[in-house]
Amino acid sequence: NRRMRRGKATVEEPLPEGSCKVHFLDGSHKFFEVTPEMVVGELLSHVKDRLGVSSSNAFALYQVQRGTHYLLHEEALLSDIRSAVDSRAKAMGLRDKRPKLLFKKFLFTKL
């Protein structure tokens, strides 16, 4: 139940060294190996390969912050995304706040 979870503090499980957790819309998640120089596009490719949709361009990775989904550019370094979230978390007084990466369909808009 979603309402019951709102009031409870969640404890994030520790990430295996050199890995990144990618969340899915059904509430599940999977761990993927990452390197410091890896870009979002490489991680997206690994996710699509594991899910069997590697030939599709209809999916993207998003960063979730306070309920808003922000599209991540494929050229962005994962290490830069992590450090930006860490600095924001420190400024807000939060402990160990990792970026939440979400895999979902890419939304197309009219130009």
Foldseek 3Di string as FASTA:
>chain_A
DVVVVVVDDDDDDDDDPQWDWEAEPVGDIDIDGHDQAAFQLVVVCVVCVVVVNNVDPFKFKWWDDPRDTHTGDRRHGPNVVQVVVVVVCVVVVHPPDGTHIYMDTDDDDDD
